[in-house]
Amino acid sequence: MRNRLIARLNLALLLFLLVRPLLAQTASASPNPADTNTRLAKLEQQVADAKSSADNAWMLTSSALVLMMTGPGLALFYGGLVRKKNVLGTMMQSFALMAIITVLWGLFSFSLAFGSGNSFIGGLHHLFLRGVGAAPDADYAATIPLQTFMVYQLMFAIITPGLIAGAFAERMKFSAMAVFMILWSVIIYDPMAHMVWGKGGLLNAALGGRFPTLDFAGGTVVHITSGVSALVCALYLGKRVGYPKEPMPPHSVVLSFIGACLLWVGWFGFNAGSALSSGSLATSAFVATHFAAAAAAAGWAAAEWLRSGKPTTLGAISGSVAGLVAITPASGFVKPMPALLIGLIAGVFCYWMVVKVKAFFGYDDSLDAFGVHGAGGTLGALLTGVFASSAVNPIFKDGQGNTLPSGLIEGNAHQLLNQFVGVVISWTLAIVGTLIILKIVDMTIGLRVSEAEEIQGLDLSQHGEEGYYWEPSA
């Protein structure tokens, strides 16, 4: 009996010695509220960092895509449309703006466009990019550095004046072009960008502007201002020597074809990048952009086919650009089928503007900058007010945070009036500002090359080189 008792005590002691470490481990693993909160906070920070990294990667990629739209996209597109004696001069205009506008943007233009100011222009808080670093600005984009936002917006500021060059191609002095673009960017682009996208801007729909204009990626800021300014330039400078009696066909539709394809691809950064994040809104804008470009290319080609019996390559690529222009303001607000319809309408409408309206009035918009960008941008801005959907982008909310209708079809008829106000302001600023700038440049250094220089071509007369040179055969 005694031996059995001793055996049981020894067994109990052995079990206690074996289980004790496990009990201690369990006790140490029991949840501590302070430790749990620390872990949760750390996990939340890791999730936020991952989202920030993803958004930042997309925005840097989008910035590169938009820069690609200027060079090589626009440079090749415009360069192929001019005569071969002007190919380098035309491409150089796009390339020069990549340098000129970047310097201006860093010095003061970013501050004028996106710094806090009044309803029409930003202040000088970000002069010399002061305060533009790794920290985000929640009013613009809460998950990416302000510096990323700055460089992304820079790419828009670069390409916008470049679009104007299509109207005065083959006849403006390079020096005049440089001065004109500097003044245009400061007097027209910076205020317009601030009114539509900047803090306190008159037309800013996201930050409570007086006339909330829906412009996701630049229908008013980019395309109307540049397109209308292009028309003013064409009228002010007058026609090219020999126009329209002498034939002036594109010297290389192949170059233009490559340029148009680069523009189409780059436009995904232009529109989808304007979501300022890598979420579902970027996807929606990406899809809308592609659908509109495709429908517009088909629409322009079909209209041309019916009128002349043949669809041309130049017509198809011009149509795709027209669709990209028209969907730009709407890309972050409309579903795929309305995007398709916007593109189709734009393709036919811009074809009519280029073929009929330009011929009727007789102005020499060399590369149809107004017919595509001015007309297409205006059409797109107005149709945005018709088709905008709160299901895509619930931008308007009441005091309780409930989503309100966005466009006319949803029941917000007043939005069409806001879009019209934005269009009128864009047109007015572009017309008045461009006329003033042209007059200043014309009175100081002169705008146009001489007749002899124009006949010789801008490549030689402005840059002393040729785009194409072959040694004569022996």
Protein backbone atom coordinates (compact mmCIF):
# COMPACT_ATOMS: atom_id res chain seq x y z
CA MET A 1 0.00 0.00 0.00
CA ARG A 2 2.71 2.37 1.00
CA ASN A 3 4.75 1.52 -2.08
CA ARG A 4 1.75 2.23 -4.33
CA LEU A 5 1.25 5.62 -2.65
CA ILE A 6 4.89 6.51 -3.15
CA ALA A 7 4.67 5.44 -6.80
CA ARG A 8 1.64 7.63 -7.38
CA LEU A 9 3.34 10.62 -5.75
CA ASN A 10 6.38 10.12 -7.94
CA LEU A 11 4.17 9.91 -11.04
CA ALA A 12 2.33 13.08 -10.06
CA LEU A 13 5.64 14.87 -9.49
CA LEU A 14 6.91 13.72 -12.87
CA LEU A 15 3.77 14.91 -14.62
CA PHE A 16 4.03 18.26 -12.86
CA LEU A 17 7.61 18.69 -14.01
CA LEU A 18 6.63 17.85 -17.59
CA VAL A 19 3.56 20.10 -17.72
CA ARG A 20 5.05 23.07 -15.89
CA PRO A 21 6.93 24.49 -18.93
CA LEU A 22 3.78 24.21 -21.02
CA LEU A 23 1.75 26.05 -18.38
CA ALA A 24 4.35 28.78 -18.23
CA GLN A 25 4.34 29.10 -22.05
CA THR A 26 0.54 29.30 -22.10
CA ALA A 27 0.56 31.93 -19.41
CA SER A 28 3.11 34.01 -21.29
CA ALA A 29 1.06 33.68 -24.51
CA SER A 30 -2.15 34.91 -22.92
CA PRO A 31 -3.32 38.14 -24.57
CA ASN A 32 -2.19 41.41 -23.09
CA PRO A 33 -4.44 44.31 -24.15
CA ALA A 34 -1.51 46.68 -24.56
CA ASP A 35 0.42 44.19 -26.70
CA THR A 36 -2.66 43.47 -28.83
CA ASN A 37 -3.20 47.16 -29.56
CA THR A 38 0.44 47.55 -30.48
CA ARG A 39 0.24 44.63 -32.89
CA LEU A 40 -2.96 45.96 -34.48
CA ALA A 41 -1.46 49.43 -34.89
CA LYS A 42 1.64 47.91 -36.48
CA LEU A 43 -0.51 45.81 -38.83
CA GLU A 44 -2.60 48.82 -39.84
CA GLN A 45 0.56 50.79 -40.57
CA GLN A 46 1.91 47.96 -42.71
CA VAL A 47 -1.36 47.86 -44.68
CA ALA A 48 -1.27 51.64 -45.15
CA ASP A 49 2.37 51.48 -46.26
CA ALA A 50 1.55 48.74 -48.77
CA LYS A 51 -1.32 50.77 -50.24
CA SER A 52 0.87 53.87 -50.40
CA SER A 53 3.60 51.92 -52.19
CA ALA A 54 1.12 50.49 -54.70
CA ASP A 55 -0.46 53.89 -55.38
CA ASN A 56 2.91 55.57 -55.66
CA ALA A 57 4.17 52.95 -58.12
CA TRP A 58 1.09 53.44 -60.30
CA MET A 59 1.40 57.22 -60.20
CA LEU A 60 5.09 57.19 -61.14
CA THR A 61 4.25 54.83 -63.99
CA SER A 62 1.41 57.12 -65.07
CA SER A 63 3.76 60.11 -64.97
CA ALA A 64 6.12 58.33 -67.35
CA LEU A 65 3.21 57.39 -69.63
CA VAL A 66 2.01 61.00 -69.86
CA LEU A 67 5.53 62.23 -70.60
CA MET A 68 5.71 59.60 -73.34
CA MET A 69 2.65 61.25 -74.88
CA THR A 70 4.67 64.40 -75.56
CA GLY A 71 7.90 62.77 -76.62
CA PRO A 72 7.80 60.59 -78.61
CA GLY A 73 3.98 60.43 -79.00
CA LEU A 74 3.01 63.97 -79.96
CA ALA A 75 6.38 64.66 -81.57
CA LEU A 76 5.96 61.73 -83.97
CA PHE A 77 2.26 62.35 -84.56
CA TYR A 78 2.75 66.02 -85.47
CA GLY A 79 6.13 65.41 -87.10
CA GLY A 80 4.68 62.97 -89.61
CA LEU A 81 1.83 65.31 -90.53
CA VAL A 82 4.04 68.18 -91.73
CA ARG A 83 6.15 68.37 -94.89
CA LYS A 84 9.57 66.75 -94.61
CA LYS A 85 11.38 70.11 -94.57
CA ASN A 86 9.66 70.86 -91.24
CA VAL A 87 9.82 67.52 -89.45
CA LEU A 88 12.66 68.35 -87.05
CA GLY A 89 11.38 71.84 -86.36
CA THR A 90 7.98 70.44 -85.44
CA MET A 91 9.36 67.66 -83.26
CA MET A 92 11.76 70.08 -81.59
CA GLN A 93 8.82 72.16 -80.39
CA SER A 94 7.49 69.22 -78.38
CA PHE A 95 10.92 68.34 -77.04
CA ALA A 96 11.73 71.92 -76.06
CA LEU A 97 8.57 72.12 -73.98
CA MET A 98 9.69 69.11 -71.96
CA ALA A 99 12.61 71.24 -70.79
CA ILE A 100 11.05 74.72 -70.62
CA ILE A 101 7.86 73.83 -68.76
CA THR A 102 9.73 71.61 -66.29
CA VAL A 103 11.89 74.54 -65.21
CA LEU A 104 8.87 76.85 -64.87
CA TRP A 105 6.94 74.22 -62.93
CA GLY A 106 9.71 73.79 -60.41
CA LEU A 107 10.29 77.50 -59.94
CA PHE A 108 6.74 78.77 -59.49
CA SER A 109 4.07 77.27 -61.79
CA PHE A 110 3.21 74.33 -59.52
CA SER A 111 2.58 76.78 -56.72
CA LEU A 112 0.38 78.97 -58.93
CA ALA A 113 -1.65 75.97 -60.07
CA PHE A 114 -1.96 73.93 -56.86
CA GLY A 115 -0.95 76.17 -53.99
CA SER A 116 -3.60 77.64 -51.72
CA GLY A 117 -4.82 80.95 -53.10
CA ASN A 118 -8.06 82.47 -54.28
CA SER A 119 -10.73 81.20 -56.69
CA PHE A 120 -8.63 81.95 -59.76
CA ILE A 121 -4.95 81.41 -58.95
CA GLY A 122 -2.80 79.72 -56.31
CA GLY A 123 -0.34 81.47 -54.05
CA LEU A 124 3.43 81.24 -53.72
CA HIS A 125 3.59 78.88 -50.75
CA HIS A 126 5.31 76.21 -52.88
CA LEU A 127 7.71 78.60 -54.62
CA PHE A 128 10.85 76.67 -55.66
CA LEU A 129 8.96 73.51 -54.57
CA ARG A 130 9.18 74.51 -50.93
CA GLY A 131 7.23 72.03 -48.82
CA VAL A 132 6.87 69.57 -51.72
CA GLY A 133 8.39 66.38 -50.38
CA ALA A 134 7.57 62.87 -49.20
CA ALA A 135 4.58 63.84 -47.06
CA PRO A 136 1.19 63.61 -48.82
CA ASP A 137 -1.29 66.45 -49.15
CA ALA A 138 -4.61 64.88 -48.16
CA ASP A 139 -6.61 67.46 -50.12
CA TYR A 140 -5.11 66.15 -53.36
CA ALA A 141 -3.96 62.57 -52.76
CA ALA A 142 -3.67 61.10 -49.28
CA THR A 143 -1.65 58.01 -50.18
CA ILE A 144 1.18 59.36 -52.34
CA PRO A 145 3.95 61.89 -51.67
CA LEU A 146 3.15 65.44 -52.67
CA GLN A 147 6.29 65.30 -54.80
CA THR A 148 4.76 62.45 -56.82
CA PHE A 149 1.58 64.45 -57.29
CA MET A 150 3.67 67.42 -58.37
CA VAL A 151 5.62 65.52 -61.02
CA TYR A 152 2.47 63.83 -62.33
CA GLN A 153 0.77 67.20 -62.82
CA LEU A 154 3.93 68.50 -64.46
CA MET A 155 3.45 66.06 -67.33
CA PHE A 156 0.04 67.59 -68.04
CA ALA A 157 1.55 71.06 -68.01
CA ILE A 158 4.14 69.91 -70.57
CA ILE A 159 1.84 68.37 -73.16
CA THR A 160 -0.92 71.01 -73.07
CA PRO A 161 0.96 73.86 -74.79
CA GLY A 162 2.51 71.30 -77.12
CA LEU A 163 -0.92 70.61 -78.57
CA ILE A 164 -1.22 74.23 -79.70
CA ALA A 165 1.81 73.85 -81.97
CA GLY A 166 -0.31 71.86 -84.40
CA ALA A 167 -2.15 75.02 -85.44
CA PHE A 168 0.88 77.17 -86.28
CA ALA A 169 3.06 74.34 -87.60
CA GLU A 170 5.48 75.23 -90.43
CA ARG A 171 5.40 79.01 -89.92
CA MET A 172 6.27 80.25 -86.39
CA LYS A 173 9.81 81.16 -85.32
CA PHE A 174 11.33 78.90 -82.72
CA SER A 175 12.22 81.85 -80.49
CA ALA A 176 8.66 83.15 -80.72
CA MET A 177 7.30 79.70 -79.93
CA ALA A 178 9.43 79.48 -76.78
CA VAL A 179 8.38 82.91 -75.47
CA PHE A 180 4.74 82.35 -76.41
CA MET A 181 4.61 78.99 -74.60
CA ILE A 182 6.19 80.40 -71.43
CA LEU A 183 3.64 83.21 -71.26
CA TRP A 184 0.77 80.92 -72.22
CA SER A 185 1.59 78.44 -69.48
CA VAL A 186 1.69 81.13 -66.80
CA ILE A 187 -1.26 83.25 -67.98
CA ILE A 188 -3.65 80.53 -69.17
CA TYR A 189 -2.67 77.04 -68.02
CA ASP A 190 -1.78 77.75 -64.40
CA PRO A 191 -4.98 79.70 -63.59
CA MET A 192 -7.16 77.16 -65.41
CA ALA A 193 -5.55 74.23 -63.60
CA HIS A 194 -6.09 76.01 -60.29
CA MET A 195 -9.73 76.82 -61.00
CA VAL A 196 -10.57 73.21 -61.89
CA TRP A 197 -8.22 71.15 -59.69
CA GLY A 198 -6.62 73.47 -57.14
CA LYS A 199 -7.64 74.19 -53.56
CA GLY A 200 -10.34 76.84 -53.49
CA GLY A 201 -10.67 76.81 -57.28
CA LEU A 202 -13.80 78.34 -58.78
CA LEU A 203 -14.65 75.19 -60.76
CA ASN A 204 -13.30 72.53 -58.39
CA ALA A 205 -15.96 69.82 -57.95
CA ALA A 206 -14.01 67.83 -55.35
CA LEU A 207 -13.19 70.72 -53.03
CA GLY A 208 -16.36 72.78 -53.11
CA GLY A 209 -15.91 75.21 -56.00
CA ARG A 210 -18.61 77.77 -56.76
CA PHE A 211 -19.39 76.06 -60.09
CA PRO A 212 -18.40 72.39 -59.58
CA THR A 213 -17.29 71.30 -63.05
CA LEU A 214 -16.63 67.61 -63.60
CA ASP A 215 -13.28 67.35 -65.35
CA PHE A 216 -11.50 64.16 -64.39
CA ALA A 217 -8.34 64.50 -66.48
CA GLY A 218 -8.37 67.79 -68.38
CA GLY A 219 -11.18 68.39 -70.85
CA THR A 220 -11.28 72.06 -69.91
CA VAL A 221 -7.79 72.48 -68.48
CA VAL A 222 -5.94 70.73 -71.30
CA HIS A 223 -7.99 70.30 -74.46
CA ILE A 224 -10.33 73.30 -74.60
CA THR A 225 -7.65 75.78 -73.60
CA SER A 226 -5.08 74.40 -76.05
CA GLY A 227 -7.56 73.79 -78.86
CA VAL A 228 -9.18 77.22 -78.70
CA SER A 229 -5.78 78.89 -78.35
CA ALA A 230 -4.70 76.94 -81.42
CA LEU A 231 -7.56 78.42 -83.43
CA VAL A 232 -6.64 81.94 -82.29
CA CYS A 233 -3.02 81.33 -83.32
CA ALA A 234 -4.04 80.03 -86.74
CA LEU A 235 -6.24 83.06 -87.37
CA TYR A 236 -3.68 85.56 -86.05
CA LEU A 237 -0.70 84.19 -88.00
CA GLY A 238 -2.62 83.64 -91.21
CA LYS A 239 -2.23 80.88 -93.74
CA ARG A 240 0.96 79.14 -94.79
CA VAL A 241 2.55 80.25 -98.05
CA GLY A 242 0.62 78.55 -100.84
CA TYR A 243 -2.28 77.34 -98.67
CA PRO A 244 -4.78 76.07 -99.80
CA LYS A 245 -3.83 76.08 -103.49
CA GLU A 246 -0.66 74.03 -103.12
CA PRO A 247 -1.01 70.44 -101.85
CA MET A 248 0.56 70.00 -98.40
CA PRO A 249 0.08 66.32 -97.56
CA PRO A 250 1.75 64.64 -94.56
CA HIS A 251 5.26 63.58 -95.44
CA SER A 252 5.05 60.36 -93.38
CA VAL A 253 1.79 58.85 -92.18
CA VAL A 254 3.95 56.04 -90.82
CA LEU A 255 5.49 58.38 -88.23
CA SER A 256 2.06 59.74 -87.37
CA PHE A 257 0.70 56.20 -87.02
CA ILE A 258 3.40 55.31 -84.50
CA GLY A 259 2.83 58.58 -82.67
CA ALA A 260 -0.92 57.98 -82.46
CA CYS A 261 -0.40 54.50 -81.03
CA LEU A 262 1.95 55.91 -78.40
CA LEU A 263 -0.65 58.56 -77.57
CA TRP A 264 -3.33 55.90 -77.14
CA VAL A 265 -1.16 53.88 -74.76
CA GLY A 266 0.09 56.95 -72.90
CA TRP A 267 -3.49 58.18 -72.44
CA PHE A 268 -4.08 55.41 -69.89
CA GLY A 269 -1.65 57.26 -67.63
CA PHE A 270 -3.37 60.51 -68.53
CA ASN A 271 -6.88 59.35 -67.58
CA ALA A 272 -6.53 56.30 -65.32
CA GLY A 273 -3.66 58.01 -63.52
CA SER A 274 -5.99 60.89 -62.65
CA ALA A 275 -7.62 58.59 -60.08
CA LEU A 276 -4.41 59.30 -58.10
CA SER A 277 -4.49 55.75 -56.76
CA SER A 278 -4.38 52.19 -58.06
CA GLY A 279 -7.94 51.26 -57.07
CA SER A 280 -11.17 50.53 -58.88
CA LEU A 281 -11.63 54.12 -60.08
CA ALA A 282 -8.40 53.84 -62.05
CA THR A 283 -9.74 50.64 -63.63
CA SER A 284 -13.00 52.35 -64.58
CA ALA A 285 -11.18 55.29 -66.18
CA PHE A 286 -8.83 52.90 -68.00
CA VAL A 287 -11.75 50.96 -69.52
CA ALA A 288 -13.69 54.10 -70.46
CA THR A 289 -10.61 55.55 -72.17
CA HIS A 290 -10.02 52.48 -74.29
CA PHE A 291 -13.65 52.06 -75.30
CA ALA A 292 -14.01 55.69 -76.34
CA ALA A 293 -10.83 55.67 -78.44
CA ALA A 294 -11.92 52.52 -80.26
CA ALA A 295 -15.43 53.82 -80.96
CA ALA A 296 -14.13 57.18 -82.19
CA ALA A 297 -11.63 55.55 -84.55
CA ALA A 298 -14.46 53.46 -86.00
CA GLY A 299 -16.79 56.47 -86.19
CA TRP A 300 -14.33 58.72 -88.02
CA ALA A 301 -13.33 55.92 -90.41
CA ALA A 302 -16.97 55.08 -91.14
CA ALA A 303 -17.87 58.71 -91.83
CA GLU A 304 -14.87 59.04 -94.13
CA TRP A 305 -15.73 55.76 -95.86
CA LEU A 306 -19.29 56.91 -96.54
CA ARG A 307 -18.15 60.30 -97.84
CA SER A 308 -15.15 59.39 -99.99
CA GLY A 309 -15.46 55.65 -100.50
CA LYS A 310 -12.26 54.75 -98.60
CA PRO A 311 -11.29 54.72 -94.94
CA THR A 312 -7.80 56.16 -94.55
CA THR A 313 -5.15 55.37 -91.98
CA LEU A 314 -4.82 59.07 -91.19
CA GLY A 315 -8.56 59.27 -90.58
CA ALA A 316 -8.58 56.28 -88.25
CA ILE A 317 -5.71 57.55 -86.09
CA SER A 318 -7.19 61.05 -86.02
CA GLY A 319 -10.47 59.55 -84.88
CA SER A 320 -8.80 57.65 -82.06
CA VAL A 321 -7.22 60.87 -80.78
CA ALA A 322 -10.60 62.63 -81.00
CA GLY A 323 -12.15 59.91 -78.85
CA LEU A 324 -9.34 60.13 -76.32
CA VAL A 325 -9.83 63.88 -76.12
CA ALA A 326 -13.60 63.66 -75.63
CA ILE A 327 -13.45 60.98 -72.94
CA THR A 328 -10.76 62.79 -70.94
CA PRO A 329 -13.13 64.86 -68.75
CA ALA A 330 -15.61 62.00 -68.43
CA SER A 331 -13.24 59.06 -67.94
CA GLY A 332 -13.58 58.92 -64.16
CA PHE A 333 -17.32 59.48 -64.12
CA VAL A 334 -18.92 57.28 -66.80
CA LYS A 335 -19.55 53.57 -67.36
CA PRO A 336 -18.20 51.67 -70.39
CA MET A 337 -21.29 51.94 -72.63
CA PRO A 338 -21.67 55.73 -72.25
CA ALA A 339 -17.91 55.95 -72.92
CA LEU A 340 -18.45 54.02 -76.13
CA LEU A 341 -21.20 56.44 -77.14
CA ILE A 342 -19.11 59.51 -76.30
CA GLY A 343 -16.30 58.16 -78.45
CA LEU A 344 -18.58 57.41 -81.39
CA ILE A 345 -20.13 60.87 -81.30
CA ALA A 346 -16.71 62.50 -80.99
CA GLY A 347 -15.29 60.61 -83.96
CA VAL A 348 -18.08 61.73 -86.28
CA PHE A 349 -18.30 65.26 -84.86
CA CYS A 350 -14.55 65.97 -85.07
CA TYR A 351 -14.44 64.57 -88.60
CA TRP A 352 -17.15 67.05 -89.55
CA MET A 353 -15.24 69.90 -87.86
CA VAL A 354 -12.03 69.06 -89.72
CA VAL A 355 -13.53 68.34 -93.15
CA LYS A 356 -16.49 70.70 -93.34
CA VAL A 357 -16.17 73.53 -90.84
CA LYS A 358 -12.48 74.26 -91.50
CA ALA A 359 -13.08 74.27 -95.25
CA PHE A 360 -16.13 76.53 -94.88
CA PHE A 361 -14.30 79.20 -92.87
CA GLY A 362 -10.96 78.71 -94.65
CA TYR A 363 -8.64 79.01 -91.65
CA ASP A 364 -5.29 77.19 -91.75
CA ASP A 365 -5.22 75.02 -88.64
CA SER A 366 -2.25 73.07 -89.99
CA LEU A 367 -2.66 69.85 -88.02
CA ASP A 368 -6.28 70.28 -86.89
CA ALA A 369 -5.52 71.11 -83.27
CA PHE A 370 -8.79 72.99 -82.91
CA GLY A 371 -10.90 70.51 -84.85
CA VAL A 372 -9.78 67.66 -82.61
CA HIS A 373 -8.83 69.18 -79.25
CA GLY A 374 -10.94 72.33 -79.09
CA ALA A 375 -14.08 70.77 -80.56
CA GLY A 376 -13.56 67.34 -79.00
CA GLY A 377 -12.76 68.80 -75.58
CA THR A 378 -15.86 70.99 -75.62
CA LEU A 379 -18.07 68.09 -76.67
CA GLY A 380 -16.58 65.82 -74.02
CA ALA A 381 -16.99 68.39 -71.24
CA LEU A 382 -20.68 68.82 -72.00
CA LEU A 383 -21.38 65.11 -72.42
CA THR A 384 -19.73 64.49 -69.05
CA GLY A 385 -22.58 66.46 -67.51
CA VAL A 386 -25.04 64.18 -69.26
CA PHE A 387 -23.57 60.73 -68.57
CA ALA A 388 -21.74 61.16 -65.24
CA SER A 389 -22.72 58.38 -62.81
CA SER A 390 -22.48 58.42 -59.03
CA ALA A 391 -22.07 54.63 -59.17
CA VAL A 392 -18.69 55.19 -60.81
CA ASN A 393 -17.58 58.18 -58.77
CA PRO A 394 -19.79 59.44 -55.91
CA ILE A 395 -18.27 62.90 -55.95
CA PHE A 396 -21.33 64.83 -54.76
CA LYS A 397 -22.71 64.25 -51.24
CA ASP A 398 -25.22 65.99 -48.99
CA GLY A 399 -24.59 67.19 -45.44
CA GLN A 400 -25.24 63.73 -44.02
CA GLY A 401 -22.77 62.08 -46.39
CA ASN A 402 -25.39 60.55 -48.69
CA THR A 403 -24.44 60.25 -52.35
CA LEU A 404 -26.16 62.68 -54.72
CA PRO A 405 -26.77 62.26 -58.48
CA SER A 406 -23.88 63.27 -60.72
CA GLY A 407 -25.20 63.82 -64.24
CA LEU A 408 -28.31 64.72 -66.22
CA ILE A 409 -29.41 61.12 -66.80
CA GLU A 410 -29.23 60.45 -63.06
CA GLY A 411 -31.42 63.46 -62.37
CA ASN A 412 -28.87 66.23 -61.79
CA ALA A 413 -29.85 68.58 -64.62
CA HIS A 414 -28.01 71.46 -62.95
CA GLN A 415 -24.68 69.74 -63.63
CA LEU A 416 -25.05 70.47 -67.33
CA LEU A 417 -25.15 74.17 -66.45
CA ASN A 418 -21.99 73.81 -64.36
CA GLN A 419 -20.27 72.10 -67.28
CA PHE A 420 -21.35 74.92 -69.58
CA VAL A 421 -19.92 77.51 -67.18
CA GLY A 422 -16.61 75.65 -67.15
CA VAL A 423 -16.57 75.53 -70.96
CA VAL A 424 -17.33 79.25 -71.28
CA ILE A 425 -14.59 80.20 -68.82
CA SER A 426 -12.10 77.98 -70.67
CA TRP A 427 -13.00 79.47 -74.04
CA THR A 428 -12.91 83.04 -72.73
CA LEU A 429 -9.57 82.69 -70.96
CA ALA A 430 -8.02 80.97 -73.99
CA ILE A 431 -9.26 83.55 -76.51
CA VAL A 432 -8.46 86.69 -74.53
CA GLY A 433 -5.19 85.42 -73.04
CA THR A 434 -3.86 84.05 -76.32
CA LEU A 435 -4.63 87.26 -78.22
CA ILE A 436 -2.77 89.32 -75.62
CA ILE A 437 0.24 86.99 -75.64
CA LEU A 438 0.40 86.87 -79.44
CA LYS A 439 0.31 90.66 -79.62
CA ILE A 440 3.09 91.02 -77.04
CA VAL A 441 5.37 88.51 -78.78
CA ASP A 442 4.60 89.90 -82.22
CA MET A 443 5.43 93.47 -81.15
CA THR A 444 8.71 92.45 -79.47
CA ILE A 445 10.47 89.68 -81.37
CA GLY A 446 7.99 88.86 -84.12
CA LEU A 447 5.99 85.66 -84.53
CA ARG A 448 6.41 84.41 -88.04
CA VAL A 449 9.39 83.35 -90.10
CA SER A 450 10.01 85.22 -93.34
CA GLU A 451 8.50 83.93 -96.57
CA ALA A 452 11.94 82.78 -97.74
CA GLU A 453 12.55 80.91 -94.49
CA GLU A 454 9.12 79.29 -94.66
CA ILE A 455 9.77 78.09 -98.19
CA GLN A 456 13.17 76.77 -97.14
CA GLY A 457 11.62 74.98 -94.17
CA LEU A 458 11.94 75.28 -90.40
CA ASP A 459 14.55 72.54 -90.13
CA LEU A 460 17.19 74.55 -91.94
CA SER A 461 16.00 78.09 -91.25
CA GLN A 462 15.49 77.62 -87.48
CA HIS A 463 17.87 74.80 -86.56
CA GLY A 464 20.43 74.50 -89.35
CA GLU A 465 19.86 70.79 -89.90
CA GLU A 466 17.74 68.40 -91.93
CA GLY A 467 15.49 65.58 -90.83
CA TYR A 468 16.36 63.51 -93.88
CA TYR A 469 19.66 63.62 -95.68
CA TRP A 470 21.08 61.09 -98.08
CA GLU A 471 24.48 61.22 -99.71
CA PRO A 472 24.13 61.36 -103.48
CA SER A 473 24.99 58.09 -105.16
CA ALA A 474 28.36 57.93 -106.93
